[in-house]
């Protein structure tokens, strides 16, 4: 477990004392999608400025590979969302459903 940013069991125990674990999972899922979209936007912006050759059969584009490797080293969006909830940086309120 030491390789992870946060321990999922600790997050679950902390969130169960505050409310529904389901709400926490939904909030983490929504936040991880936001983080993933932000990373994708940053990646596309960086790759946009890299010149591409007309004929890619000559070999790989090392500039694109370097940028892709840089983004591969980032932490996964799910773990970033878990860390935000654990650190108290992310708050959420689920809408109440009226019957």
N, C-alpha and C. Protein backbone atom coordinates (compact mmCIF):
# COMPACT_ATOMS: atom_id res chain seq x y z
N UNK A 1 0.81 -1.20 0.00
CA UNK A 1 0.00 0.00 0.00
C UNK A 1 0.85 1.26 0.00
N UNK A 2 2.14 1.13 0.26
CA UNK A 2 2.98 2.32 0.36
C UNK A 2 3.20 2.99 -0.99
N UNK A 3 2.89 2.30 -2.09
CA UNK A 3 3.09 2.89 -3.40
C UNK A 3 1.97 3.84 -3.78
N UNK A 4 0.85 3.78 -3.06
CA UNK A 4 -0.27 4.65 -3.37
C UNK A 4 -0.14 6.00 -2.67
N UNK A 5 -0.80 7.00 -3.23
CA UNK A 5 -0.80 8.33 -2.63
C UNK A 5 -1.53 8.31 -1.30
N UNK A 6 -2.66 7.64 -1.28
CA UNK A 6 -3.44 7.49 -0.05
C UNK A 6 -3.85 6.04 0.08
N UNK A 7 -4.15 5.64 1.27
CA UNK A 7 -4.60 4.28 1.52
C UNK A 7 -6.11 4.25 1.36
N UNK A 8 -6.64 3.46 0.42
CA UNK A 8 -8.10 3.44 0.19
C UNK A 8 -8.90 3.04 1.43
N UNK A 9 -8.35 2.17 2.25
CA UNK A 9 -9.06 1.75 3.46
C UNK A 9 -9.22 2.91 4.42
N UNK A 10 -8.18 3.72 4.57
CA UNK A 10 -8.24 4.88 5.46
C UNK A 10 -9.28 5.87 4.94
N UNK A 11 -9.31 6.10 3.63
CA UNK A 11 -10.30 7.00 3.05
C UNK A 11 -11.70 6.47 3.31
N UNK A 12 -11.89 5.18 3.15
CA UNK A 12 -13.22 4.59 3.38
C UNK A 12 -13.63 4.77 4.83
N UNK A 13 -12.72 4.53 5.75
CA UNK A 13 -13.06 4.66 7.17
C UNK A 13 -13.37 6.11 7.51
N UNK A 14 -12.61 7.04 6.95
CA UNK A 14 -12.83 8.45 7.23
C UNK A 14 -14.18 8.89 6.67
N UNK A 15 -14.50 8.48 5.45
CA UNK A 15 -15.75 8.89 4.82
C UNK A 15 -16.96 8.21 5.45
N UNK A 16 -16.80 6.99 5.96
CA UNK A 16 -17.94 6.33 6.57
C UNK A 16 -18.37 7.04 7.86
N UNK A 17 -17.43 7.72 8.49
CA UNK A 17 -17.80 8.47 9.69
C UNK A 17 -18.55 9.76 9.34
N UNK A 18 -18.41 10.23 8.10
CA UNK A 18 -19.07 11.47 7.68
C UNK A 18 -20.40 11.23 7.00
N UNK A 19 -20.55 10.10 6.37
CA UNK A 19 -21.79 9.87 5.63
C UNK A 19 -21.70 8.63 4.78
N UNK A 20 -22.43 8.62 3.72
CA UNK A 20 -22.52 7.47 2.84
C UNK A 20 -21.23 7.27 2.05
N UNK A 21 -20.77 6.04 2.03
CA UNK A 21 -19.59 5.70 1.22
C UNK A 21 -19.95 5.84 -0.26
N UNK A 22 -21.20 5.52 -0.60
CA UNK A 22 -21.66 5.66 -1.99
C UNK A 22 -21.49 7.10 -2.46
N UNK A 23 -21.87 8.06 -1.62
CA UNK A 23 -21.72 9.47 -1.99
C UNK A 23 -20.25 9.82 -2.20
N UNK A 24 -19.38 9.29 -1.37
CA UNK A 24 -17.96 9.55 -1.51
C UNK A 24 -17.42 8.98 -2.82
N UNK A 25 -17.87 7.78 -3.15
CA UNK A 25 -17.41 7.15 -4.39
C UNK A 25 -17.90 7.93 -5.60
N UNK A 26 -19.14 8.37 -5.57
CA UNK A 26 -19.69 9.17 -6.68
C UNK A 26 -18.91 10.48 -6.81
N UNK A 27 -18.65 11.14 -5.69
CA UNK A 27 -17.90 12.41 -5.71
C UNK A 27 -16.49 12.20 -6.25
N UNK A 28 -15.83 11.12 -5.80
CA UNK A 28 -14.48 10.83 -6.30
C UNK A 28 -14.50 10.52 -7.79
N UNK A 29 -15.53 9.81 -8.24
CA UNK A 29 -15.63 9.51 -9.67
C UNK A 29 -15.81 10.76 -10.51
N UNK A 30 -16.69 11.66 -10.05
CA UNK A 30 -16.89 12.91 -10.79
C UNK A 30 -15.63 13.76 -10.80
N UNK A 31 -14.97 13.84 -9.64
CA UNK A 31 -13.74 14.65 -9.56
C UNK A 31 -12.63 14.03 -10.39
N UNK A 32 -12.52 12.70 -10.41
CA UNK A 32 -11.47 12.08 -11.20
C UNK A 32 -11.69 12.31 -12.69
N UNK A 33 -12.96 12.37 -13.12
CA UNK A 33 -13.24 12.70 -14.53
C UNK A 33 -12.81 14.13 -14.85
N UNK A 34 -13.06 15.05 -13.91
CA UNK A 34 -12.63 16.43 -14.12
C UNK A 34 -11.11 16.50 -14.23
N UNK A 35 -10.41 15.81 -13.36
CA UNK A 35 -8.95 15.81 -13.38
C UNK A 35 -8.46 15.20 -14.68
N UNK A 36 -9.07 14.09 -15.10
CA UNK A 36 -8.67 13.43 -16.35
C UNK A 36 -8.89 14.34 -17.55
N UNK A 37 -10.03 15.04 -17.59
CA UNK A 37 -10.29 15.97 -18.69
C UNK A 37 -9.27 17.10 -18.71
N UNK A 38 -8.88 17.58 -17.54
CA UNK A 38 -7.88 18.64 -17.45
C UNK A 38 -6.53 18.15 -17.96
N UNK A 39 -6.14 16.94 -17.58
CA UNK A 39 -4.87 16.37 -18.05
C UNK A 39 -4.91 16.17 -19.56
N UNK A 40 -6.04 15.69 -20.07
CA UNK A 40 -6.17 15.47 -21.52
C UNK A 40 -6.07 16.79 -22.28
N UNK A 41 -6.68 17.84 -21.75
CA UNK A 41 -6.60 19.16 -22.38
C UNK A 41 -5.16 19.67 -22.41
N UNK A 42 -4.46 19.49 -21.29
CA UNK A 42 -3.05 19.91 -21.22
C UNK A 42 -2.20 19.12 -22.21
N UNK A 43 -2.44 17.82 -22.30
CA UNK A 43 -1.68 16.97 -23.22
C UNK A 43 -1.92 17.39 -24.66
N UNK A 44 -3.18 17.60 -25.02
CA UNK A 44 -3.49 17.99 -26.40
C UNK A 44 -2.89 19.35 -26.74
N UNK A 45 -2.88 20.27 -25.77
CA UNK A 45 -2.28 21.59 -26.00
C UNK A 45 -0.78 21.47 -26.23
N UNK A 46 -0.13 20.61 -25.46
CA UNK A 46 1.32 20.42 -25.64
C UNK A 46 1.63 19.74 -26.96
N UNK A 47 0.83 18.74 -27.33
CA UNK A 47 1.08 18.01 -28.58
C UNK A 47 0.73 18.86 -29.81
N UNK A 48 -0.13 19.84 -29.64
CA UNK A 48 -0.53 20.71 -30.74
C UNK A 48 0.66 21.50 -31.29
N UNK A 49 1.60 21.83 -30.42
CA UNK A 49 2.74 22.65 -30.82
C UNK A 49 3.91 21.83 -31.38
N UNK A 50 3.79 20.52 -31.35
CA UNK A 50 4.83 19.65 -31.88
C UNK A 50 4.60 19.48 -33.37
N UNK A 51 5.65 19.69 -34.12
CA UNK A 51 5.54 19.52 -35.57
C UNK A 51 5.44 18.04 -35.91
N UNK A 52 4.54 17.73 -36.83
CA UNK A 52 4.40 16.34 -37.28
C UNK A 52 4.87 16.24 -38.71
N UNK A 53 5.52 15.15 -38.99
CA UNK A 53 5.99 14.90 -40.35
C UNK A 53 4.84 14.33 -41.18
N UNK A 54 4.87 14.61 -42.45
CA UNK A 54 3.84 14.07 -43.33
C UNK A 54 3.93 12.55 -43.40
N UNK A 55 5.15 12.06 -43.41
CA UNK A 55 5.38 10.62 -43.54
C UNK A 55 5.92 10.08 -42.22
N UNK A 56 5.07 9.43 -41.44
CA UNK A 56 5.51 8.91 -40.16
C UNK A 56 6.16 7.53 -40.27
N UNK A 57 6.29 7.03 -41.48
CA UNK A 57 6.92 5.73 -41.67
C UNK A 57 8.43 5.81 -41.51
N UNK A 58 8.96 7.04 -41.49
CA UNK A 58 10.40 7.22 -41.34
C UNK A 58 10.87 6.86 -39.94
N UNK A 59 10.01 6.96 -38.96
CA UNK A 59 10.38 6.65 -37.59
C UNK A 59 9.50 7.38 -36.61
N UNK A 60 9.69 7.10 -35.34
CA UNK A 60 8.84 7.73 -34.33
C UNK A 60 9.18 9.20 -34.13
N UNK A 61 8.21 9.94 -33.68
CA UNK A 61 8.40 11.35 -33.37
C UNK A 61 8.82 11.43 -31.89
N UNK A 62 10.10 11.73 -31.66
CA UNK A 62 10.65 11.69 -30.30
C UNK A 62 10.11 12.80 -29.42
N UNK A 63 9.70 13.92 -30.01
CA UNK A 63 9.11 14.99 -29.22
C UNK A 63 7.77 14.55 -28.63
N UNK A 64 6.95 13.90 -29.45
CA UNK A 64 5.66 13.40 -28.97
C UNK A 64 5.85 12.32 -27.91
N UNK A 65 6.84 11.47 -28.12
CA UNK A 65 7.10 10.40 -27.16
C UNK A 65 7.54 10.97 -25.81
N UNK A 66 8.36 12.01 -25.82
CA UNK A 66 8.82 12.62 -24.58
C UNK A 66 7.66 13.25 -23.80
N UNK A 67 6.78 13.93 -24.53
CA UNK A 67 5.62 14.55 -23.88
C UNK A 67 4.69 13.47 -23.31
N UNK A 68 4.48 12.40 -24.06
CA UNK A 68 3.62 11.32 -23.60
C UNK A 68 4.20 10.65 -22.36
N UNK A 69 5.50 10.43 -22.34
CA UNK A 69 6.14 9.84 -21.16
C UNK A 69 5.99 10.73 -19.93
N UNK A 70 6.10 12.04 -20.15
CA UNK A 70 5.94 12.99 -19.04
C UNK A 70 4.54 12.87 -18.43
N UNK A 71 3.52 12.75 -19.26
CA UNK A 71 2.16 12.64 -18.77
C UNK A 71 1.87 11.25 -18.19
N UNK A 72 2.60 10.23 -18.65
CA UNK A 72 2.43 8.89 -18.09
C UNK A 72 2.91 8.81 -16.65
N UNK A 73 3.82 9.69 -16.26
CA UNK A 73 4.36 9.67 -14.90
C UNK A 73 3.45 10.34 -13.88
N UNK A 74 2.42 11.04 -14.35
CA UNK A 74 1.49 11.68 -13.42
C UNK A 74 0.69 10.63 -12.66
N UNK A 75 0.28 10.99 -11.46
CA UNK A 75 -0.56 10.09 -10.67
C UNK A 75 -1.92 9.92 -11.36
N UNK A 76 -2.54 8.79 -11.11
CA UNK A 76 -3.84 8.51 -11.71
C UNK A 76 -4.90 9.45 -11.13
N UNK A 77 -5.83 9.90 -11.97
CA UNK A 77 -6.88 10.83 -11.51
C UNK A 77 -7.69 10.31 -10.33
N UNK A 78 -7.94 9.01 -10.27
CA UNK A 78 -8.73 8.46 -9.16
C UNK A 78 -8.00 8.66 -7.83
N UNK A 79 -6.71 8.40 -7.82
CA UNK A 79 -5.95 8.57 -6.59
C UNK A 79 -5.81 10.04 -6.21
N UNK A 80 -5.73 10.92 -7.21
CA UNK A 80 -5.70 12.35 -6.90
C UNK A 80 -7.01 12.79 -6.27
N UNK A 81 -8.13 12.27 -6.78
CA UNK A 81 -9.43 12.60 -6.20
C UNK A 81 -9.55 12.05 -4.78
N UNK A 82 -9.06 10.84 -4.56
CA UNK A 82 -9.07 10.27 -3.21
C UNK A 82 -8.26 11.11 -2.25
N UNK A 83 -7.12 11.57 -2.71
CA UNK A 83 -6.26 12.40 -1.86
C UNK A 83 -6.94 13.72 -1.54
N UNK A 84 -7.63 14.32 -2.51
CA UNK A 84 -8.34 15.57 -2.27
C UNK A 84 -9.43 15.40 -1.21
N UNK A 85 -10.16 14.30 -1.27
CA UNK A 85 -11.19 14.05 -0.26
C UNK A 85 -10.53 13.81 1.10
N UNK A 86 -9.48 13.03 1.10
CA UNK A 86 -8.79 12.71 2.37
C UNK A 86 -8.21 13.96 3.01
N UNK A 87 -7.67 14.86 2.21
CA UNK A 87 -7.06 16.09 2.73
C UNK A 87 -8.08 17.18 3.03
N UNK A 88 -9.34 16.93 2.70
CA UNK A 88 -10.39 17.91 2.97
C UNK A 88 -10.46 19.03 1.94
N UNK A 89 -9.83 18.84 0.79
CA UNK A 89 -9.84 19.86 -0.26
C UNK A 89 -11.08 19.76 -1.15
N UNK A 90 -11.78 18.63 -1.07
CA UNK A 90 -12.94 18.40 -1.92
C UNK A 90 -14.15 18.20 -1.02
N UNK A 91 -15.13 19.03 -1.22
CA UNK A 91 -16.37 18.84 -0.47
C UNK A 91 -17.49 18.60 -1.48
N UNK A 92 -18.48 17.89 -1.06
CA UNK A 92 -19.57 17.56 -1.97
C UNK A 92 -20.86 17.43 -1.19
N UNK A 93 -21.93 17.66 -1.87
CA UNK A 93 -23.26 17.47 -1.29
C UNK A 93 -24.13 16.89 -2.38
N UNK A 94 -24.65 15.72 -2.10
CA UNK A 94 -25.50 15.06 -3.07
C UNK A 94 -26.90 15.65 -2.97
N UNK A 95 -27.56 15.88 -4.10
CA UNK A 95 -28.93 16.40 -4.05
C UNK A 95 -29.88 15.36 -3.46
N UNK A 96 -30.81 15.83 -2.67
CA UNK A 96 -31.79 14.93 -2.08
C UNK A 96 -32.87 14.60 -3.10
N UNK A 97 -33.23 13.37 -3.13
CA UNK A 97 -34.27 12.92 -4.06
C UNK A 97 -35.60 12.93 -3.32
N UNK A 98 -36.55 13.66 -3.88
CA UNK A 98 -37.88 13.72 -3.26
C UNK A 98 -38.77 12.64 -3.85
N UNK A 99 -39.42 11.93 -3.00
CA UNK A 99 -40.27 10.82 -3.47
C UNK A 99 -41.64 11.30 -3.86
